[in-house]
Amino acid sequence: MKAPDVSGEDILSAPSDEEATKESVERDLCALQQQAQAELSNSENSLRELEQRRKKGVHSVGSELQGFLNCFADFLSGYSGIAECAKAADNQFGGLAYGTLSIFLRVASRKQEREEMLESQMREINRYFPRLNDWQSIYPDETLKDRILDVFADITIFARRATEYYQYSSWRRTADAARVKGDIEVKVKEIREKLPELRADCEVRMQKKIHELAQAVKSLEERLQRKDKEEDTRNLATLHQAIGVAKIVSNQEEEIRNLDEVLRYTFQPTGRPALGRMMTWEMLLDDHVFAEWLKGRGTSMLVLSGNNDRRNTLTTLSWLSTAATLLVSRLHKQTPVVPAFCQKSAQMHDDFRPSLKLTIAQLVYRLAIIRPEFLRAHGVEINGMIHGEEWNSDEQEVTLKAAFSVLEKMLSAFTPDETVYIVLDRPDKCFFDQYELHRDLHFLLSSLVTTIGSVPSKVKVLVIVGPFRPSFSTVSDFLEVGKRESLARLYMERLGWHQSSF
């Protein structure tokens, strides 16, 4: 059987094509593959005869060549994806490439042994080499593409040399194998030098791409953070306007500082005898009820009430209000704490009395400042509640229930592992109908304890009511019958804490 002419110009260019363009290399490789497959098709009809003559003299040459071409066609199909190997830039590329070259080299120098293993080794290689079709999407860099295709061209020419070698007669191959260093060995050396450089270059480019990707991700995160911040600002402005807290909300630290000055000026005026002792943090911690409330791990509400020294007849401020400013100042850098101060001057005038609904709304707004991201997910729902009929009702209990519903919703922004402090100072000075003060204040306390008992986070509430003396039995009248026992465990009071007792 005549061996197919796989070394002609119609299959691959002459050795001078080693410096051919990338397009030529790819085209020549495709032509080589197609020609090999065509020759195999022509040989299939004689396959049975060749198998019978495989072990007989010179006929074994044709058998060996057909076996080689059959495997080599499959090899070329897989090998067309060599550029994809650069993507992985790992031992698979270098190892398989060097393994392939080693196979050819062993066949060239030890004819019989290499020819026997060639078919099985090429089939093994076919399972690993990917395709060239997706190369452009892997490394679009032109410089790297040139280097990859240079190596590809070297391997293609090397494969052609191996193909020509298999066209030789058995004696010719034996003589050629005896040469000290032939064209195949030279080409192998060139490829062995280029592959490590190429792989190192791929690794550098991969690291560069990783760095660029990290920078892009960082830039994207910064843009998203700016976008979130802008959205938070808009949401807070919308909430601020919707709940109508513009007249009573100010900078929290400035508000506490100003109230402290008013309290100190009222109870310890400069140049005059002090009108009773000022509340201190040590006094608070020494009180066992306050200490138990502060150190307790669960949700609870503490109500403080007491009278000023009898010499303080010219103010409606409470000396206990200092407990509120001390607590907020101590905690605001450690944990979420939201205060609402209903009286911030020595005398409370009707024109400056905030409504109780706006006082609760102030707590809502300050919670939203701490958790602005909560408004991104629930802003529409909260705005719907604020613009609902209940919120805008003329009946105080109805509108207060709506306000506490919004407060409960905002408290749900905090996790069970978090503790939120609410400080409500002098709600007895809110704009109540004086004839309904007793009832309204007890309704407020019942609503507060019900709200904090309904959220997953730990909530600690401090309520200072000045001289007013609440009664939990009255508070419980407003609680649901089935919840009275559980909510009673959340309620604490320290009544009769008079300034004159120190």
Protein backbone atom coordinates (compact mmCIF):
# COMPACT_ATOMS: atom_id res chain seq x y z
CA MET A 1 0.00 0.00 0.00
CA LYS A 2 1.31 3.40 -0.96
CA ALA A 3 1.77 5.82 1.92
CA PRO A 4 -0.23 9.02 1.51
CA ASP A 5 1.73 12.09 0.49
CA VAL A 6 1.25 14.12 3.65
CA SER A 7 4.38 16.20 3.10
CA GLY A 8 3.22 18.03 -0.03
CA GLU A 9 2.70 21.79 -0.34
CA ASP A 10 -1.05 21.30 -0.36
CA ILE A 11 -0.83 20.20 3.28
CA LEU A 12 1.76 22.41 4.92
CA SER A 13 4.16 25.06 3.73
CA ALA A 14 7.88 24.48 3.35
CA PRO A 15 10.22 24.83 6.32
CA SER A 16 10.76 28.49 5.42
CA ASP A 17 7.19 29.09 6.59
CA GLU A 18 8.47 28.98 10.15
CA GLU A 19 8.15 32.77 10.13
CA ALA A 20 4.73 32.75 8.50
CA THR A 21 1.94 34.94 9.75
CA LYS A 22 -0.46 33.77 12.43
CA GLU A 23 -3.20 33.39 9.84
CA SER A 24 -1.02 31.10 7.72
CA VAL A 25 -0.21 28.90 10.66
CA GLU A 26 -3.85 28.45 11.55
CA ARG A 27 -4.83 27.83 7.92
CA ASP A 28 -2.02 25.32 7.39
CA LEU A 29 -2.96 23.44 10.51
CA CYS A 30 -6.56 23.17 9.37
CA ALA A 31 -5.40 21.94 5.96
CA LEU A 32 -3.14 19.36 7.57
CA GLN A 33 -5.97 18.03 9.67
CA GLN A 34 -8.38 17.84 6.72
CA GLN A 35 -5.82 16.11 4.51
CA ALA A 36 -4.99 13.57 7.19
CA GLN A 37 -8.66 12.78 7.63
CA ALA A 38 -9.16 12.45 3.87
CA GLU A 39 -6.24 10.07 3.58
CA LEU A 40 -7.65 8.02 6.40
CA SER A 41 -10.98 7.75 4.60
CA ASN A 42 -9.23 6.43 1.50
CA SER A 43 -7.40 3.88 3.59
CA GLU A 44 -10.46 2.48 5.39
CA ASN A 45 -11.38 0.20 2.48
CA SER A 46 -8.03 -1.57 2.76
CA LEU A 47 -8.03 -1.75 6.54
CA ARG A 48 -8.85 -5.47 6.82
CA GLU A 49 -6.14 -6.44 4.33
CA LEU A 50 -3.59 -4.26 6.08
CA GLU A 51 -4.44 -5.81 9.43
CA GLN A 52 -3.74 -9.25 7.97
CA ARG A 53 -0.44 -8.09 6.51
CA ARG A 54 0.50 -5.94 9.52
CA LYS A 55 3.19 -8.32 10.72
CA LYS A 56 4.68 -9.10 7.31
CA GLY A 57 7.85 -7.32 6.25
CA VAL A 58 7.56 -4.02 4.46
CA HIS A 59 3.77 -4.12 4.68
CA SER A 60 4.07 -3.24 8.35
CA VAL A 61 5.22 0.22 7.26
CA GLY A 62 1.82 1.02 5.72
CA SER A 63 0.05 -0.40 8.74
CA GLU A 64 2.13 1.69 11.11
CA LEU A 65 1.57 4.82 9.04
CA GLN A 66 -2.19 4.32 8.89
CA GLY A 67 -2.30 3.84 12.66
CA PHE A 68 -0.27 6.98 13.08
CA LEU A 69 -2.51 9.02 10.74
CA ASN A 70 -5.65 7.79 12.43
CA CYS A 71 -4.35 8.89 15.82
CA PHE A 72 -2.71 12.01 14.43
CA ALA A 73 -6.02 13.26 12.98
CA ASP A 74 -7.62 12.98 16.43
CA PHE A 75 -4.54 14.60 17.92
CA LEU A 76 -4.83 17.59 15.58
CA SER A 77 -8.50 18.03 16.45
CA GLY A 78 -7.58 18.36 20.11
CA TYR A 79 -4.35 20.21 19.50
CA SER A 80 -6.13 23.05 17.70
CA GLY A 81 -6.99 24.30 21.19
CA ILE A 82 -3.42 24.89 22.30
CA ALA A 83 -4.06 28.61 22.80
CA GLU A 84 -6.70 27.75 25.37
CA CYS A 85 -3.98 26.08 27.40
CA ALA A 86 -2.37 29.45 27.98
CA LYS A 87 -5.52 30.46 29.78
CA ALA A 88 -4.95 27.92 32.51
CA ALA A 89 -1.26 28.81 32.75
CA ASP A 90 -0.65 25.75 34.89
CA ASN A 91 1.22 22.51 34.77
CA GLN A 92 -1.41 21.05 32.49
CA PHE A 93 -0.25 23.22 29.58
CA GLY A 94 3.46 22.78 30.08
CA GLY A 95 3.20 19.18 31.12
CA LEU A 96 1.04 18.10 28.21
CA ALA A 97 3.05 20.10 25.71
CA TYR A 98 6.36 18.73 26.94
CA GLY A 99 4.80 15.28 27.12
CA THR A 100 3.74 15.54 23.50
CA LEU A 101 7.21 16.63 22.40
CA SER A 102 8.78 13.88 24.45
CA ILE A 103 6.59 11.31 22.71
CA PHE A 104 7.80 12.47 19.29
CA LEU A 105 11.40 12.64 20.44
CA ARG A 106 11.33 9.10 21.83
CA VAL A 107 9.75 7.87 18.58
CA ALA A 108 12.51 9.56 16.58
CA SER A 109 15.37 8.15 18.69
CA ARG A 110 13.94 4.75 19.67
CA LYS A 111 11.86 3.77 16.67
CA GLN A 112 10.15 0.57 17.72
CA GLU A 113 9.35 1.53 21.34
CA ARG A 114 8.00 4.98 20.44
CA GLU A 115 5.89 3.80 17.54
CA GLU A 116 4.17 1.27 19.78
CA MET A 117 3.19 3.86 22.42
CA LEU A 118 2.38 6.72 20.04
CA GLU A 119 -1.26 5.86 19.43
CA SER A 120 -2.21 5.38 23.07
CA GLN A 121 -0.34 8.53 24.14
CA MET A 122 -2.01 10.73 21.54
CA ARG A 123 -5.43 9.51 22.56
CA GLU A 124 -4.55 10.41 26.14
CA ILE A 125 -3.59 13.90 25.04
CA ASN A 126 -6.89 14.34 23.19
CA ARG A 127 -8.76 14.17 26.46
CA TYR A 128 -7.00 17.26 27.80
CA PHE A 129 -6.46 19.77 25.02
CA PRO A 130 -9.29 22.32 24.64
CA ARG A 131 -10.36 24.11 21.46
CA LEU A 132 -9.02 27.24 19.84
CA ASN A 133 -12.50 28.52 19.02
CA ASP A 134 -12.83 30.58 22.22
CA TRP A 135 -9.28 31.92 22.20
CA GLN A 136 -10.17 35.54 21.53
CA SER A 137 -12.30 35.68 24.68
CA ILE A 138 -9.49 34.30 26.83
CA TYR A 139 -6.50 36.57 26.23
CA PRO A 140 -7.31 39.38 23.78
CA ASP A 141 -3.84 40.85 24.23
CA GLU A 142 -2.14 40.88 20.80
CA THR A 143 1.41 40.51 22.16
CA LEU A 144 0.54 37.36 24.04
CA LYS A 145 -1.38 36.08 21.03
CA ASP A 146 1.72 36.48 18.87
CA ARG A 147 3.84 34.54 21.35
CA ILE A 148 1.29 31.75 21.66
CA LEU A 149 0.97 31.39 17.92
CA ASP A 150 4.76 31.40 17.55
CA VAL A 151 4.89 28.36 19.80
CA PHE A 152 1.93 26.90 17.94
CA ALA A 153 3.77 27.36 14.65
CA ASP A 154 6.87 25.65 16.07
CA ILE A 155 4.81 22.70 17.25
CA THR A 156 3.02 22.50 13.89
CA ILE A 157 6.33 22.40 12.03
CA PHE A 158 7.64 19.86 14.51
CA ALA A 159 4.55 17.71 13.87
CA ARG A 160 5.20 17.95 10.12
CA ARG A 161 8.76 16.74 10.68
CA ALA A 162 7.36 13.80 12.63
CA THR A 163 4.87 13.08 9.82
CA GLU A 164 7.67 13.11 7.25
CA TYR A 165 9.63 10.80 9.48
CA TYR A 166 6.81 8.24 9.34
CA GLN A 167 6.89 8.27 5.55
CA TYR A 168 10.40 6.96 5.58
CA SER A 169 11.07 3.29 5.12
CA SER A 170 11.94 1.25 8.14
CA TRP A 171 15.65 1.38 7.23
CA ARG A 172 15.52 5.12 6.66
CA ARG A 173 13.87 5.69 10.03
CA THR A 174 16.43 3.54 11.77
CA ALA A 175 19.25 5.49 10.14
CA ASP A 176 17.61 8.81 10.90
CA ALA A 177 17.15 7.80 14.55
CA ALA A 178 20.88 7.20 14.80
CA ARG A 179 21.72 10.84 14.06
CA VAL A 180 23.10 12.72 17.02
CA LYS A 181 20.83 15.72 16.69
CA GLY A 182 18.29 16.14 13.92
CA ASP A 183 15.73 18.79 13.00
CA ILE A 184 13.20 17.35 15.42
CA GLU A 185 15.55 17.67 18.37
CA VAL A 186 16.37 21.29 17.43
CA LYS A 187 12.71 22.18 17.24
CA VAL A 188 12.05 20.47 20.56
CA LYS A 189 14.77 22.56 22.18
CA GLU A 190 13.24 25.77 20.82
CA ILE A 191 9.80 24.84 22.05
CA ARG A 192 11.11 23.81 25.46
CA GLU A 193 12.70 27.27 25.80
CA LYS A 194 9.56 29.13 24.75
CA LEU A 195 6.95 27.27 26.77
CA PRO A 196 8.24 28.23 30.27
CA GLU A 197 8.55 31.86 29.17
CA LEU A 198 5.05 31.78 27.76
CA ARG A 199 3.63 30.22 30.88
CA ALA A 200 5.42 32.78 33.08
CA ASP A 201 4.08 35.57 30.89
CA CYS A 202 0.58 34.13 31.23
CA GLU A 203 0.92 34.06 35.00
CA VAL A 204 2.07 37.69 35.08
CA ARG A 205 -0.83 38.72 32.89
CA MET A 206 -3.20 36.70 35.01
CA GLN A 207 -1.97 38.51 38.13
CA LYS A 208 -2.34 41.82 36.33
CA LYS A 209 -5.88 40.94 35.35
CA ILE A 210 -6.65 39.92 38.92
CA HIS A 211 -5.33 43.26 40.15
CA GLU A 212 -7.33 45.14 37.53
CA LEU A 213 -10.41 43.15 38.46
CA ALA A 214 -9.88 43.92 42.16
CA GLN A 215 -9.55 47.62 41.34
CA ALA A 216 -12.69 47.48 39.23
CA VAL A 217 -14.58 45.76 42.04
CA LYS A 218 -13.34 48.37 44.52
CA SER A 219 -14.41 51.17 42.20
CA LEU A 220 -17.81 49.54 41.77
CA GLU A 221 -18.20 49.19 45.54
CA GLU A 222 -17.38 52.86 45.99
CA ARG A 223 -19.94 53.84 43.37
CA LEU A 224 -22.55 51.64 45.01
CA GLN A 225 -21.75 53.13 48.41
CA ARG A 226 -22.13 56.65 47.02
CA LYS A 227 -25.40 55.63 45.39
CA ASP A 228 -26.65 54.10 48.64
CA LYS A 229 -25.66 57.20 50.57
CA GLU A 230 -27.48 59.44 48.12
CA GLU A 231 -30.54 57.20 48.34
CA ASP A 232 -30.37 57.22 52.15
CA THR A 233 -30.22 61.02 52.17
CA ARG A 234 -33.30 61.22 49.95
CA ASN A 235 -35.19 58.66 52.03
CA LEU A 236 -34.41 60.44 55.30
CA ALA A 237 -35.46 63.78 53.82
CA THR A 238 -38.72 62.23 52.64
CA LEU A 239 -39.37 60.67 56.06
CA HIS A 240 -38.42 63.91 57.84
CA GLN A 241 -40.96 65.84 55.83
CA ALA A 242 -43.66 63.17 55.99
CA ILE A 243 -43.73 62.81 59.79
CA GLY A 244 -43.39 66.55 60.41
CA VAL A 245 -40.54 66.57 62.93
CA ALA A 246 -38.74 69.61 61.55
CA LYS A 247 -39.54 71.80 64.57
CA ILE A 248 -38.31 69.42 67.26
CA VAL A 249 -35.42 67.48 65.71
CA SER A 250 -31.93 68.93 66.00
CA ASN A 251 -28.40 67.67 66.28
CA GLN A 252 -28.48 65.09 69.07
CA GLU A 253 -25.17 65.99 70.73
CA GLU A 254 -25.92 69.70 70.55
CA GLU A 255 -29.39 69.08 71.96
CA ILE A 256 -27.98 67.19 74.96
CA ARG A 257 -25.31 69.82 75.57
CA ASN A 258 -27.87 72.63 75.53
CA LEU A 259 -30.25 70.78 77.86
CA ASP A 260 -27.38 70.05 80.27
CA GLU A 261 -26.58 73.76 80.41
CA VAL A 262 -30.22 74.61 81.10
CA LEU A 263 -30.45 72.01 83.88
CA ARG A 264 -27.21 73.13 85.49
CA TYR A 265 -28.17 76.80 85.31
CA THR A 266 -31.56 75.99 86.84
CA PHE A 267 -30.46 73.77 89.72
CA GLN A 268 -26.93 75.12 90.35
CA PRO A 269 -27.04 78.79 89.31
CA THR A 270 -23.71 80.60 89.22
CA GLY A 271 -23.23 83.01 92.13
CA ARG A 272 -26.25 81.67 94.03
CA PRO A 273 -26.79 78.77 96.42
CA ALA A 274 -27.47 75.47 94.74
CA LEU A 275 -31.14 74.57 94.69
CA GLY A 276 -30.68 70.95 95.60
CA ARG A 277 -28.17 68.37 94.45
CA MET A 278 -27.60 67.60 90.78
CA MET A 279 -28.04 64.03 89.56
CA THR A 280 -24.73 62.22 88.83
CA TRP A 281 -23.84 58.97 87.11
CA GLU A 282 -22.61 57.54 90.40
CA MET A 283 -25.97 58.26 92.01
CA LEU A 284 -27.71 56.40 89.21
CA LEU A 285 -25.47 53.34 89.53
CA ASP A 286 -25.91 53.32 93.29
CA ASP A 287 -29.66 52.97 92.89
CA HIS A 288 -30.42 49.25 92.79
CA VAL A 289 -33.48 49.60 90.54
CA PHE A 290 -31.66 51.67 87.93
CA ALA A 291 -28.60 49.38 88.13
CA GLU A 292 -30.76 46.29 87.67
CA TRP A 293 -32.47 47.83 84.63
CA LEU A 294 -29.17 48.97 83.09
CA LYS A 295 -27.31 45.70 83.61
CA GLY A 296 -30.20 43.43 82.69
CA ARG A 297 -29.69 41.54 79.42
CA GLY A 298 -33.27 41.46 78.26
CA THR A 299 -35.86 43.94 77.07
CA SER A 300 -37.27 46.20 79.81
CA MET A 301 -38.74 49.62 80.51
CA LEU A 302 -37.91 51.75 83.56
CA VAL A 303 -40.11 54.65 84.66
CA LEU A 304 -38.55 57.31 86.92
CA SER A 305 -40.60 59.85 88.83
CA GLY A 306 -39.91 62.25 91.67
CA ASN A 307 -40.18 65.82 92.84
CA ASN A 308 -37.67 68.66 92.73
CA ASP A 309 -36.39 70.23 95.91
CA ARG A 310 -39.08 72.44 97.38
CA ARG A 311 -36.87 75.47 96.75
CA ASN A 312 -37.23 74.93 93.00
CA THR A 313 -40.56 76.64 92.51
CA LEU A 314 -39.73 78.67 89.41
CA THR A 315 -39.17 75.83 86.94
CA THR A 316 -41.13 72.95 85.48
CA LEU A 317 -37.92 71.07 84.66
CA SER A 318 -37.26 67.86 86.56
CA TRP A 319 -34.00 67.17 88.30
CA LEU A 320 -34.36 63.58 87.02
CA SER A 321 -33.92 64.80 83.43
CA THR A 322 -30.18 64.82 84.07
CA ALA A 323 -30.42 61.01 84.22
CA ALA A 324 -31.57 61.09 80.60
CA THR A 325 -28.69 63.26 79.38
CA LEU A 326 -26.15 61.25 81.37
CA LEU A 327 -27.38 57.95 79.93
CA VAL A 328 -27.39 59.17 76.33
CA SER A 329 -23.92 60.72 76.69
CA ARG A 330 -22.54 57.48 78.13
CA LEU A 331 -24.05 55.13 75.57
CA HIS A 332 -24.33 56.89 72.21
CA LYS A 333 -20.85 55.81 71.07
CA GLN A 334 -21.29 52.21 72.21
CA THR A 335 -24.78 51.18 71.17
CA PRO A 336 -27.83 52.56 69.34
CA VAL A 337 -29.58 55.10 71.59
CA VAL A 338 -32.38 57.47 70.56
CA PRO A 339 -33.65 60.22 72.88
CA ALA A 340 -36.70 62.45 72.78
CA PHE A 341 -36.68 65.45 75.13
CA CYS A 342 -40.08 67.02 75.54
CA GLN A 343 -39.00 69.99 77.67
CA LYS A 344 -35.77 71.82 76.94
CA SER A 345 -36.33 75.16 78.67
CA ALA A 346 -36.91 76.26 82.27
CA GLN A 347 -40.60 76.82 81.64
CA MET A 348 -42.87 74.96 79.26
CA HIS A 349 -45.23 77.13 77.29
CA ASP A 350 -48.15 75.78 75.32
CA ASP A 351 -46.73 77.16 72.08
CA PHE A 352 -43.67 74.92 72.44
CA ARG A 353 -45.34 71.73 73.61
CA PRO A 354 -44.73 68.92 71.11
CA SER A 355 -47.57 66.53 70.52
CA LEU A 356 -47.06 63.00 71.72
CA LYS A 357 -47.34 61.69 68.16
CA LEU A 358 -44.51 63.97 67.03
CA THR A 359 -42.45 62.84 70.01
CA ILE A 360 -42.83 59.21 68.91
CA ALA A 361 -42.14 60.33 65.33
CA GLN A 362 -38.88 61.85 66.53
CA LEU A 363 -37.84 58.44 67.87
CA VAL A 364 -38.76 56.89 64.52
CA TYR A 365 -36.66 59.41 62.62
CA ARG A 366 -33.63 58.97 64.83
CA LEU A 367 -33.84 55.20 64.49
CA ALA A 368 -33.93 55.70 60.72
CA ILE A 369 -30.74 57.79 60.93
CA ILE A 370 -29.02 54.85 62.64
CA ARG A 371 -30.40 52.32 60.12
CA PRO A 372 -30.88 54.25 56.86
CA GLU A 373 -30.49 51.07 54.82
CA PHE A 374 -33.74 49.82 56.37
CA LEU A 375 -35.62 52.53 54.49
CA ARG A 376 -34.30 51.21 51.18
CA ALA A 377 -36.22 47.99 51.69
CA HIS A 378 -39.17 49.24 53.75
CA GLY A 379 -39.42 52.94 52.93
CA VAL A 380 -42.51 52.50 50.76
CA GLU A 381 -44.30 50.56 53.50
CA ILE A 382 -43.39 53.10 56.19
CA ASN A 383 -44.43 56.04 54.03
CA GLY A 384 -47.71 54.28 53.36
CA MET A 385 -48.30 53.95 57.11
CA ILE A 386 -47.48 57.61 57.69
CA HIS A 387 -49.85 58.76 54.96
CA GLY A 388 -52.61 56.42 56.12
CA GLU A 389 -55.89 57.43 57.72
CA GLU A 390 -54.89 56.24 61.20
CA TRP A 391 -51.74 58.38 61.33
CA ASN A 392 -53.71 61.47 60.34
CA SER A 393 -56.75 60.72 62.50
CA ASP A 394 -58.15 63.40 64.83
CA GLU A 395 -58.59 60.79 67.57
CA GLN A 396 -55.49 60.70 69.72
CA GLU A 397 -55.54 56.99 70.54
CA VAL A 398 -55.97 56.08 66.87
CA THR A 399 -53.11 58.29 65.70
CA LEU A 400 -50.87 57.14 68.57
CA LYS A 401 -51.47 53.50 67.68
CA ALA A 402 -50.36 54.32 64.13
CA ALA A 403 -47.25 56.08 65.46
CA PHE A 404 -46.34 53.09 67.62
CA SER A 405 -46.87 50.76 64.65
CA VAL A 406 -44.26 52.75 62.72
CA LEU A 407 -41.96 52.71 65.76
CA GLU A 408 -42.31 48.93 65.99
CA LYS A 409 -41.50 48.63 62.29
CA MET A 410 -38.31 50.68 62.68
CA LEU A 411 -37.23 48.68 65.74
CA SER A 412 -37.45 45.53 63.62
CA ALA A 413 -34.41 46.86 61.73
CA PHE A 414 -32.23 45.69 64.63
CA THR A 415 -31.16 42.10 65.22
CA PRO A 416 -31.73 40.00 68.36
CA ASP A 417 -28.03 40.43 69.17
CA GLU A 418 -28.36 44.20 69.35
CA THR A 419 -29.56 46.33 72.24
CA VAL A 420 -31.39 49.56 71.45
CA TYR A 421 -31.91 52.27 74.07
CA ILE A 422 -34.88 54.64 73.96
CA VAL A 423 -34.89 57.64 76.28
CA LEU A 424 -38.18 59.50 76.63
CA ASP A 425 -37.82 62.53 78.89
CA ARG A 426 -40.89 64.30 80.26
CA PRO A 427 -43.69 62.98 78.05
CA ASP A 428 -46.00 64.41 80.72
CA LYS A 429 -45.13 67.80 79.23
CA CYS A 430 -46.42 66.93 75.80
CA PHE A 431 -49.54 68.68 74.58
CA PHE A 432 -52.11 66.67 76.51
CA ASP A 433 -55.60 67.66 77.44
CA GLN A 434 -54.92 68.36 81.12
CA TYR A 435 -58.18 66.68 82.08
CA GLU A 436 -57.05 63.51 80.29
CA LEU A 437 -53.39 63.62 81.40
CA HIS A 438 -53.65 60.67 83.77
CA ARG A 439 -55.32 58.42 81.22
CA ASP A 440 -53.17 59.50 78.25
CA LEU A 441 -49.88 58.97 80.06
CA HIS A 442 -50.86 55.47 81.14
CA PHE A 443 -51.92 54.74 77.57
CA LEU A 444 -48.45 55.91 76.44
CA LEU A 445 -46.66 53.61 78.89
CA SER A 446 -48.81 50.63 77.91
CA SER A 447 -48.12 51.30 74.21
CA LEU A 448 -44.38 51.51 74.85
CA VAL A 449 -44.16 48.25 76.78
CA THR A 450 -46.34 46.50 74.19
CA THR A 451 -44.13 47.75 71.35
CA ILE A 452 -40.81 46.68 72.86
CA GLY A 453 -42.30 43.31 73.73
CA SER A 454 -43.16 42.72 70.07
CA VAL A 455 -39.76 43.16 68.40
CA PRO A 456 -36.89 40.65 68.16
CA SER A 457 -34.14 43.00 69.32
CA LYS A 458 -33.43 43.85 72.96
CA VAL A 459 -34.91 47.26 73.73
CA LYS A 460 -34.34 49.20 76.93
CA VAL A 461 -36.58 52.19 77.53
CA LEU A 462 -36.05 54.91 80.13
CA VAL A 463 -39.07 57.14 80.75
CA ILE A 464 -38.85 60.17 83.05
CA VAL A 465 -42.19 61.64 84.06
CA GLY A 466 -41.16 64.18 86.71
CA PRO A 467 -43.62 64.51 89.59
CA PHE A 468 -46.25 62.35 87.92
CA ARG A 469 -46.76 59.06 89.75
CA PRO A 470 -47.91 56.34 87.36
CA SER A 471 -49.49 53.07 88.43
CA PHE A 472 -48.84 49.80 86.67
CA SER A 473 -52.29 48.58 87.59
CA THR A 474 -53.62 51.43 85.48
CA VAL A 475 -51.07 50.71 82.74
CA SER A 476 -52.18 47.08 82.63
CA ASP A 477 -55.76 48.18 81.99
CA PHE A 478 -54.63 49.15 78.47
CA LEU A 479 -52.80 45.89 77.80
CA GLU A 480 -54.27 42.89 76.04
CA VAL A 481 -55.50 40.39 78.59
CA GLY A 482 -53.41 37.55 77.19
CA LYS A 483 -50.21 39.62 77.27
CA ARG A 484 -50.48 41.27 80.66
CA GLU A 485 -48.44 38.70 82.54
CA SER A 486 -45.56 38.59 80.03
CA LEU A 487 -45.46 42.37 79.60
CA ALA A 488 -45.56 42.93 83.35
CA ARG A 489 -42.11 41.32 83.53
CA LEU A 490 -40.76 44.04 81.23
CA TYR A 491 -42.08 46.91 83.33
CA MET A 492 -39.94 48.49 86.07
CA GLU A 493 -40.47 51.67 88.05
CA ARG A 494 -38.55 53.84 90.47
CA LEU A 495 -41.10 56.18 91.99
CA GLY A 496 -40.63 58.83 94.65
CA TRP A 497 -37.01 59.59 93.70
CA HIS A 498 -37.10 63.07 95.19
CA GLN A 499 -34.27 65.58 94.98
CA SER A 500 -34.69 66.45 98.66
CA SER A 501 -33.76 62.90 99.66
CA PHE A 502 -30.07 63.64 98.95
